[in-house]
Amino acid sequence: GNFHCCRQGIPCCPKKMSCTSSSKSSTESGSGGAIIAARHGERLDYILRDSGSNWIPTTSRPWDPPLTEYGQKTQTVELGKRIARQLKEKGLPKVSAVYSSPLLRCCQTSMGAIIGLQQEGGVKEDEKLQIRMEHGLIESSCEKWYTSWGLPSSDSTWGYRPPIEPIEEETVHPMAKVAVQKLLLSPTEMQEKLTTGEEEGKHDDIVDTTYASIHTLNPYGWNNFETRKLQLARMEKMSALLAAKHPNETILLVAHGSPVTHLYEVITGKSWREHGVSAYASFSIYGHCYKEEEEKKIVDDEAVAEMMGGEEKQLSWTEVEINNSAHKLDESSTEFKSGR
């Protein structure tokens, strides 16, 4: 087959994916699963910025903006419903697990999506979905992310550049200089954040506080940025690990514009431009299965091999639905320009 191997020895997908001629028959026969990759909903900081305000100076956590009320209460619930309808239409299994970036906007999106999935029958009746906070799905820890919130005049704009350059080290936000892991809420803290103001007892266990992230983040920070190559490798590893962990299930991943398009790139071998910019609450579905190939590729990444029981199998992917969005993006809009 025409495979491209990643640097870490993880099996990459073929450019021509041939999991099966029908994603429906693959998953229904128990020989394959599906990964849904969704972008979070509408960000509060972008809405305030575009109306002439700046959210950054008003908060102690400028790197972790919440969703707008519309994003949290309406848009993300609709995301869950849209996913449920797509799964039914494509003959795919209902969602059995939800993994989220550990940033607030993605966990809020996950919570809304779970509600929508439940309302639209996208979850088995006896299944209780919880949010698994997965560090491997976090936003890119690149310079453009840090300058969006870490400088005195930052206004949330992706890749923000200050009026006076070069940037003076002493003006950078002190929290930009610590390891990125230290910026994250714990699952217990996230649980409290998500249920503040909610009806008591309604979502008290929406976060799986026992889940331990599969991916261990490198200690990125100011002047130690995550490169594009490392971002792609991270998403390549996450796709392989989670497909191996859930070989015959449908799972939902909620992340950001960059991780979502990087996932498309590593799964399909195509440019992200063929995917297009991710709108708020957009999603893609990828079918996967393991095939016995004539040209067997040894899985030499220990974590993936362990998930697969040490077997030598080829992970193959199928594009089921790409960049499904409730609205088309105007290329002059800030949402299009950000894609984050």
Protein backbone atom coordinates (compact mmCIF):
# COMPACT_ATOMS: atom_id res chain seq x y z
CA GLY A 1 0.00 0.00 0.00
CA ASN A 2 0.93 3.65 -0.33
CA PHE A 3 1.52 4.50 3.32
CA HIS A 4 3.44 7.37 4.85
CA CYS A 5 5.03 6.59 8.20
CA CYS A 6 5.22 9.19 10.90
CA ARG A 7 8.32 9.92 12.87
CA GLN A 8 7.20 8.02 15.96
CA GLY A 9 6.57 4.72 14.21
CA ILE A 10 2.81 4.98 14.50
CA PRO A 11 0.95 3.43 11.59
CA CYS A 12 -0.26 6.17 9.30
CA CYS A 13 -3.23 5.96 7.04
CA PRO A 14 -3.01 5.21 3.32
CA LYS A 15 -3.53 8.10 0.96
CA LYS A 16 -6.21 5.96 -0.65
CA MET A 17 -8.20 4.70 2.30
CA SER A 18 -9.75 1.29 1.83
CA CYS A 19 -11.18 0.30 5.19
CA THR A 20 -14.24 -1.08 3.42
CA SER A 21 -16.44 -0.25 0.49
CA SER A 22 -19.16 0.64 2.99
CA SER A 23 -18.57 2.27 6.35
CA LYS A 24 -22.00 1.01 7.34
CA SER A 25 -21.21 -2.67 6.80
CA SER A 26 -17.84 -2.32 8.53
CA THR A 27 -19.18 -0.88 11.75
CA GLU A 28 -22.39 -2.88 11.86
CA SER A 29 -20.47 -6.14 11.45
CA GLY A 30 -18.40 -5.21 14.49
CA SER A 31 -15.21 -4.94 12.45
CA GLY A 32 -14.72 -1.21 12.69
CA GLY A 33 -15.53 2.00 14.51
CA ALA A 34 -15.74 5.74 13.91
CA ILE A 35 -14.13 8.88 15.28
CA ILE A 36 -16.07 12.15 15.17
CA ALA A 37 -13.90 15.27 15.43
CA ALA A 38 -15.77 18.48 16.32
CA ARG A 39 -14.70 22.07 16.86
CA HIS A 40 -15.96 23.93 19.92
CA GLY A 41 -18.82 26.45 19.82
CA GLU A 42 -18.91 30.25 19.72
CA ARG A 43 -16.26 31.97 21.90
CA LEU A 44 -17.20 34.84 24.21
CA ASP A 45 -13.88 36.65 23.81
CA TYR A 46 -14.22 36.86 20.02
CA ILE A 47 -17.74 38.26 20.25
CA LEU A 48 -16.62 40.92 22.76
CA ARG A 49 -13.55 41.80 20.67
CA ASP A 50 -15.64 42.21 17.54
CA SER A 51 -17.99 44.54 19.38
CA GLY A 52 -15.09 46.76 20.45
CA SER A 53 -14.36 45.26 23.89
CA ASN A 54 -11.42 43.19 25.11
CA TRP A 55 -12.09 40.20 27.34
CA ILE A 56 -8.40 39.51 28.13
CA PRO A 57 -7.83 42.22 30.82
CA THR A 58 -11.05 41.23 32.64
CA THR A 59 -10.00 37.71 33.62
CA SER A 60 -7.36 35.84 35.62
CA ARG A 61 -7.38 33.05 32.98
CA PRO A 62 -6.90 34.85 29.64
CA TRP A 63 -5.87 31.60 27.90
CA ASP A 64 -9.15 29.85 28.69
CA PRO A 65 -12.19 31.76 27.36
CA PRO A 66 -15.71 30.35 27.79
CA LEU A 67 -18.43 30.01 25.18
CA THR A 68 -21.13 32.62 24.74
CA GLU A 69 -24.52 31.79 26.25
CA TYR A 70 -25.77 31.00 22.73
CA GLY A 71 -22.79 28.74 22.14
CA GLN A 72 -23.24 26.89 25.40
CA LYS A 73 -27.03 26.55 25.58
CA THR A 74 -28.08 26.30 21.92
CA GLN A 75 -25.27 25.78 19.39
CA THR A 76 -23.55 22.89 21.17
CA VAL A 77 -26.83 21.09 21.93
CA GLU A 78 -27.67 21.36 18.23
CA LEU A 79 -24.21 19.93 17.47
CA GLY A 80 -25.10 16.82 19.46
CA LYS A 81 -28.41 16.50 17.62
CA ARG A 82 -26.78 16.94 14.20
CA ILE A 83 -24.22 14.25 15.03
CA ALA A 84 -26.97 11.86 16.20
CA ARG A 85 -28.87 12.35 12.93
CA GLN A 86 -25.71 11.79 10.85
CA LEU A 87 -24.87 8.59 12.70
CA LYS A 88 -28.37 7.26 12.09
CA GLU A 89 -28.24 8.25 8.41
CA LYS A 90 -24.82 6.61 7.92
CA GLY A 91 -25.72 3.46 9.86
CA LEU A 92 -22.99 4.05 12.43
CA PRO A 93 -23.09 2.99 16.11
CA LYS A 94 -24.28 5.51 18.70
CA VAL A 95 -21.68 7.52 20.61
CA SER A 96 -20.17 5.56 23.50
CA ALA A 97 -17.40 7.94 24.68
CA VAL A 98 -16.61 11.66 24.61
CA TYR A 99 -13.07 13.03 24.77
CA SER A 100 -12.44 16.76 25.11
CA SER A 101 -9.58 19.21 25.03
CA PRO A 102 -9.03 20.26 28.67
CA LEU A 103 -9.80 23.91 27.85
CA LEU A 104 -13.12 25.28 29.09
CA ARG A 105 -14.73 26.07 25.73
CA CYS A 106 -14.28 22.46 24.58
CA CYS A 107 -15.59 20.96 27.82
CA GLN A 108 -18.63 23.27 27.61
CA THR A 109 -19.12 22.13 24.01
CA SER A 110 -18.83 18.49 25.08
CA MET A 111 -21.46 18.99 27.76
CA GLY A 112 -23.89 20.58 25.31
CA ALA A 113 -23.21 17.89 22.71
CA ILE A 114 -23.91 15.14 25.25
CA ILE A 115 -27.28 16.76 26.04
CA GLY A 116 -28.09 17.00 22.31
CA LEU A 117 -27.03 13.41 21.66
CA GLN A 118 -29.26 12.21 24.50
CA GLN A 119 -32.22 14.25 23.24
CA GLU A 120 -31.84 12.93 19.67
CA GLY A 121 -31.22 9.28 20.55
CA GLY A 122 -27.51 9.35 19.73
CA VAL A 123 -26.61 7.44 22.90
CA LYS A 124 -27.65 3.95 23.97
CA GLU A 125 -30.45 4.09 26.55
CA ASP A 126 -28.34 2.44 29.26
CA GLU A 127 -25.19 4.46 28.45
CA LYS A 128 -24.16 7.49 30.52
CA LEU A 129 -21.69 9.69 28.71
CA GLN A 130 -19.08 11.63 30.66
CA ILE A 131 -16.41 14.05 29.47
CA ARG A 132 -12.91 12.59 29.42
CA MET A 133 -10.45 15.49 29.54
CA GLU A 134 -7.71 14.49 27.11
CA HIS A 135 -4.56 16.64 26.97
CA GLY A 136 -3.76 15.30 23.50
CA LEU A 137 -6.68 17.32 22.08
CA ILE A 138 -5.56 20.71 23.43
CA GLU A 139 -5.10 23.76 21.22
CA SER A 140 -1.73 24.12 19.49
CA SER A 141 0.82 25.45 21.99
CA CYS A 142 2.41 27.57 19.27
CA GLU A 143 3.56 31.17 19.29
CA LYS A 144 0.34 32.38 17.64
CA TRP A 145 -1.68 30.95 20.54
CA TYR A 146 0.54 32.53 23.18
CA THR A 147 0.51 35.99 21.56
CA SER A 148 -3.30 35.86 21.38
CA TRP A 149 -3.47 36.18 25.18
CA GLY A 150 0.01 36.58 26.66
CA LEU A 151 1.01 40.16 25.75
CA PRO A 152 -0.09 43.44 27.40
CA SER A 153 -2.21 44.46 24.40
CA SER A 154 -3.41 40.97 23.34
CA ASP A 155 -7.09 40.89 22.37
CA SER A 156 -7.60 37.14 21.65
CA THR A 157 -6.64 37.52 17.97
CA TRP A 158 -4.82 34.41 16.78
CA GLY A 159 -1.21 35.36 15.97
CA TYR A 160 -1.62 38.85 17.47
CA ARG A 161 1.39 41.12 16.97
CA PRO A 162 1.94 44.14 19.24
CA PRO A 163 2.41 47.68 17.86
CA ILE A 164 6.03 47.73 19.01
CA GLU A 165 8.37 44.86 18.21
CA PRO A 166 10.45 42.93 19.07
CA ILE A 167 8.44 41.62 22.01
CA GLU A 168 10.18 42.34 25.31
CA GLU A 169 10.43 39.24 27.47
CA GLU A 170 9.48 41.03 30.71
CA THR A 171 6.14 42.12 29.23
CA VAL A 172 4.99 38.54 28.53
CA HIS A 173 2.29 37.21 30.87
CA PRO A 174 3.95 35.19 33.68
CA MET A 175 1.62 32.24 33.05
CA ALA A 176 2.88 32.04 29.46
CA LYS A 177 6.30 31.18 30.89
CA VAL A 178 5.20 28.12 32.87
CA ALA A 179 4.67 24.62 31.45
CA VAL A 180 1.35 24.52 29.59
CA GLN A 181 0.09 21.74 31.88
CA LYS A 182 -0.04 24.26 34.74
CA LEU A 183 -2.63 26.32 32.85
CA LEU A 184 -5.21 23.54 32.92
CA LEU A 185 -8.07 22.95 35.33
CA SER A 186 -8.24 19.54 36.97
CA PRO A 187 -11.25 17.33 36.13
CA THR A 188 -12.74 18.14 39.56
CA GLU A 189 -12.30 21.89 39.00
CA MET A 190 -13.82 21.56 35.52
CA GLN A 191 -16.79 19.68 36.95
CA GLU A 192 -17.41 22.54 39.37
CA LYS A 193 -17.01 25.13 36.61
CA LEU A 194 -19.47 23.38 34.28
CA THR A 195 -22.16 22.91 36.93
CA THR A 196 -22.02 26.38 38.49
CA GLY A 197 -25.47 27.90 37.99
CA GLU A 198 -26.91 24.60 36.76
CA GLU A 199 -29.85 22.88 38.41
CA GLU A 200 -28.48 21.03 41.44
CA GLY A 201 -27.77 17.37 40.79
CA LYS A 202 -28.52 17.62 37.06
CA HIS A 203 -24.96 17.28 35.72
CA ASP A 204 -23.02 16.54 38.90
CA ASP A 205 -20.94 13.81 37.25
CA ILE A 206 -20.70 15.15 33.69
CA VAL A 207 -16.87 15.03 33.93
CA ASP A 208 -15.14 11.69 34.40
CA THR A 209 -12.93 12.70 37.32
CA THR A 210 -11.21 9.29 37.31
CA TYR A 211 -9.98 9.52 33.71
CA ALA A 212 -6.21 9.90 33.24
CA SER A 213 -5.15 11.55 29.98
CA ILE A 214 -3.53 9.17 27.49
CA HIS A 215 -1.22 11.85 26.13
CA THR A 216 1.41 13.56 28.27
CA LEU A 217 2.01 17.10 27.08
CA ASN A 218 5.53 18.36 26.56
CA PRO A 219 6.30 21.32 28.87
CA TYR A 220 5.62 23.93 26.19
CA GLY A 221 5.74 27.62 27.10
CA TRP A 222 7.01 30.97 25.89
CA ASN A 223 10.04 30.45 23.61
CA ASN A 224 9.45 26.69 23.76
CA PHE A 225 6.59 26.46 21.30
CA GLU A 226 4.92 23.43 19.77
CA THR A 227 5.86 23.22 16.10
CA ARG A 228 3.47 22.25 13.30
CA LYS A 229 5.39 18.98 12.89
CA LEU A 230 4.85 18.16 16.57
CA GLN A 231 1.16 19.16 16.35
CA LEU A 232 0.64 16.74 13.47
CA ALA A 233 2.50 13.98 15.32
CA ARG A 234 0.32 14.55 18.39
CA MET A 235 -2.91 14.17 16.42
CA GLU A 236 -1.52 11.18 14.55
CA LYS A 237 -0.80 9.50 17.87
CA MET A 238 -4.22 10.41 19.30
CA SER A 239 -6.07 8.99 16.28
CA ALA A 240 -4.15 5.71 16.48
CA LEU A 241 -4.47 5.38 20.26
CA LEU A 242 -8.18 6.12 20.39
CA ALA A 243 -9.02 3.94 17.39
CA ALA A 244 -7.16 1.11 19.13
CA LYS A 245 -8.93 1.79 22.42
CA HIS A 246 -12.39 1.84 20.76
CA PRO A 247 -12.02 -0.49 17.72
CA ASN A 248 -15.77 -1.13 17.22
CA GLU A 249 -17.31 2.00 18.72
CA THR A 250 -18.21 5.55 17.73
CA ILE A 251 -16.48 8.18 19.85
CA LEU A 252 -16.65 11.98 19.85
CA LEU A 253 -13.54 14.18 20.12
CA VAL A 254 -14.08 17.88 20.84
CA ALA A 255 -11.12 20.12 20.08
CA HIS A 256 -10.04 23.32 18.32
CA GLY A 257 -9.59 24.49 14.74
CA SER A 258 -5.95 23.42 14.47
CA PRO A 259 -6.24 19.92 16.02
CA VAL A 260 -9.39 19.20 13.98
CA THR A 261 -7.71 20.05 10.65
CA HIS A 262 -4.47 18.35 11.68
CA LEU A 263 -6.45 15.19 12.35
CA TYR A 264 -7.85 15.42 8.82
CA GLU A 265 -4.34 15.80 7.40
CA VAL A 266 -2.84 12.81 9.19
CA ILE A 267 -5.84 10.54 8.52
CA THR A 268 -6.32 11.38 4.84
CA GLY A 269 -2.83 12.44 3.74
CA LYS A 270 -4.42 15.54 2.13
CA SER A 271 -3.87 19.25 2.68
CA TRP A 272 -6.03 20.89 5.34
CA ARG A 273 -7.26 23.24 2.60
CA GLU A 274 -9.31 20.35 1.16
CA HIS A 275 -11.01 20.12 4.55
CA GLY A 276 -11.49 23.89 4.79
CA VAL A 277 -11.64 26.15 7.82
CA SER A 278 -13.68 24.69 10.68
CA ALA A 279 -16.70 26.76 11.66
CA TYR A 280 -17.98 26.74 15.24
CA ALA A 281 -19.54 23.35 16.10
CA SER A 282 -18.54 21.78 12.78
CA PHE A 283 -17.57 18.12 12.69
CA SER A 284 -16.08 15.33 10.57
CA ILE A 285 -16.57 11.57 10.83
CA TYR A 286 -13.86 9.02 10.02
CA GLY A 287 -14.53 5.29 9.86
CA HIS A 288 -11.70 2.96 10.84
CA CYS A 289 -10.89 -0.73 10.92
CA TYR A 290 -7.89 -3.02 11.21
CA LYS A 291 -6.95 -5.00 8.14
CA GLU A 292 -4.61 -7.89 7.62
CA GLU A 293 -2.47 -6.56 4.78
CA GLU A 294 -0.08 -8.42 2.53
CA GLU A 295 2.42 -5.73 3.42
CA LYS A 296 2.08 -5.89 7.20
CA LYS A 297 3.38 -2.89 9.04
CA ILE A 298 4.75 -3.59 12.47
CA VAL A 299 3.30 -1.27 15.10
CA ASP A 300 6.40 -0.21 16.98
CA ASP A 301 4.80 2.46 19.14
CA GLU A 302 4.47 0.68 22.50
CA ALA A 303 1.30 2.48 23.62
CA VAL A 304 -0.54 1.71 20.38
CA ALA A 305 0.75 -1.86 20.29
CA GLU A 306 -0.47 -2.41 23.84
CA MET A 307 -3.95 -1.10 22.95
CA MET A 308 -4.03 -3.48 19.99
CA GLY A 309 -2.94 -6.46 22.09
CA GLY A 310 0.47 -6.49 20.44
CA GLU A 311 -0.96 -7.67 17.10
CA GLU A 312 0.49 -6.61 13.75
CA LYS A 313 -2.46 -4.99 12.01
CA GLN A 314 -2.95 -2.13 9.59
CA LEU A 315 -5.22 0.69 10.67
CA SER A 316 -7.26 1.90 7.68
CA TRP A 317 -9.52 4.93 7.50
CA THR A 318 -12.57 6.01 5.50
CA GLU A 319 -13.87 9.57 5.10
CA VAL A 320 -17.52 9.34 6.09
CA GLU A 321 -18.42 13.03 6.53
CA ILE A 322 -16.04 15.98 6.23
CA ASN A 323 -16.46 19.42 7.81
CA ASN A 324 -20.22 19.26 8.34
CA SER A 325 -21.29 22.75 9.39
CA ALA A 326 -24.59 24.31 10.34
CA HIS A 327 -23.58 27.50 8.52
CA LYS A 328 -21.27 28.53 5.71
CA LEU A 329 -18.39 30.83 6.57
CA ASP A 330 -17.98 34.22 4.94
CA GLU A 331 -14.26 34.42 4.11
CA SER A 332 -14.14 38.00 5.41
CA SER A 333 -15.54 36.96 8.80
CA THR A 334 -13.42 36.77 11.93
CA GLU A 335 -14.63 33.20 12.46
CA PHE A 336 -13.18 32.19 9.08
CA LYS A 337 -9.93 34.01 9.75
CA SER A 338 -9.50 32.41 13.15
CA GLY A 339 -10.59 28.83 12.55
CA ARG A 340 -9.64 28.39 16.19
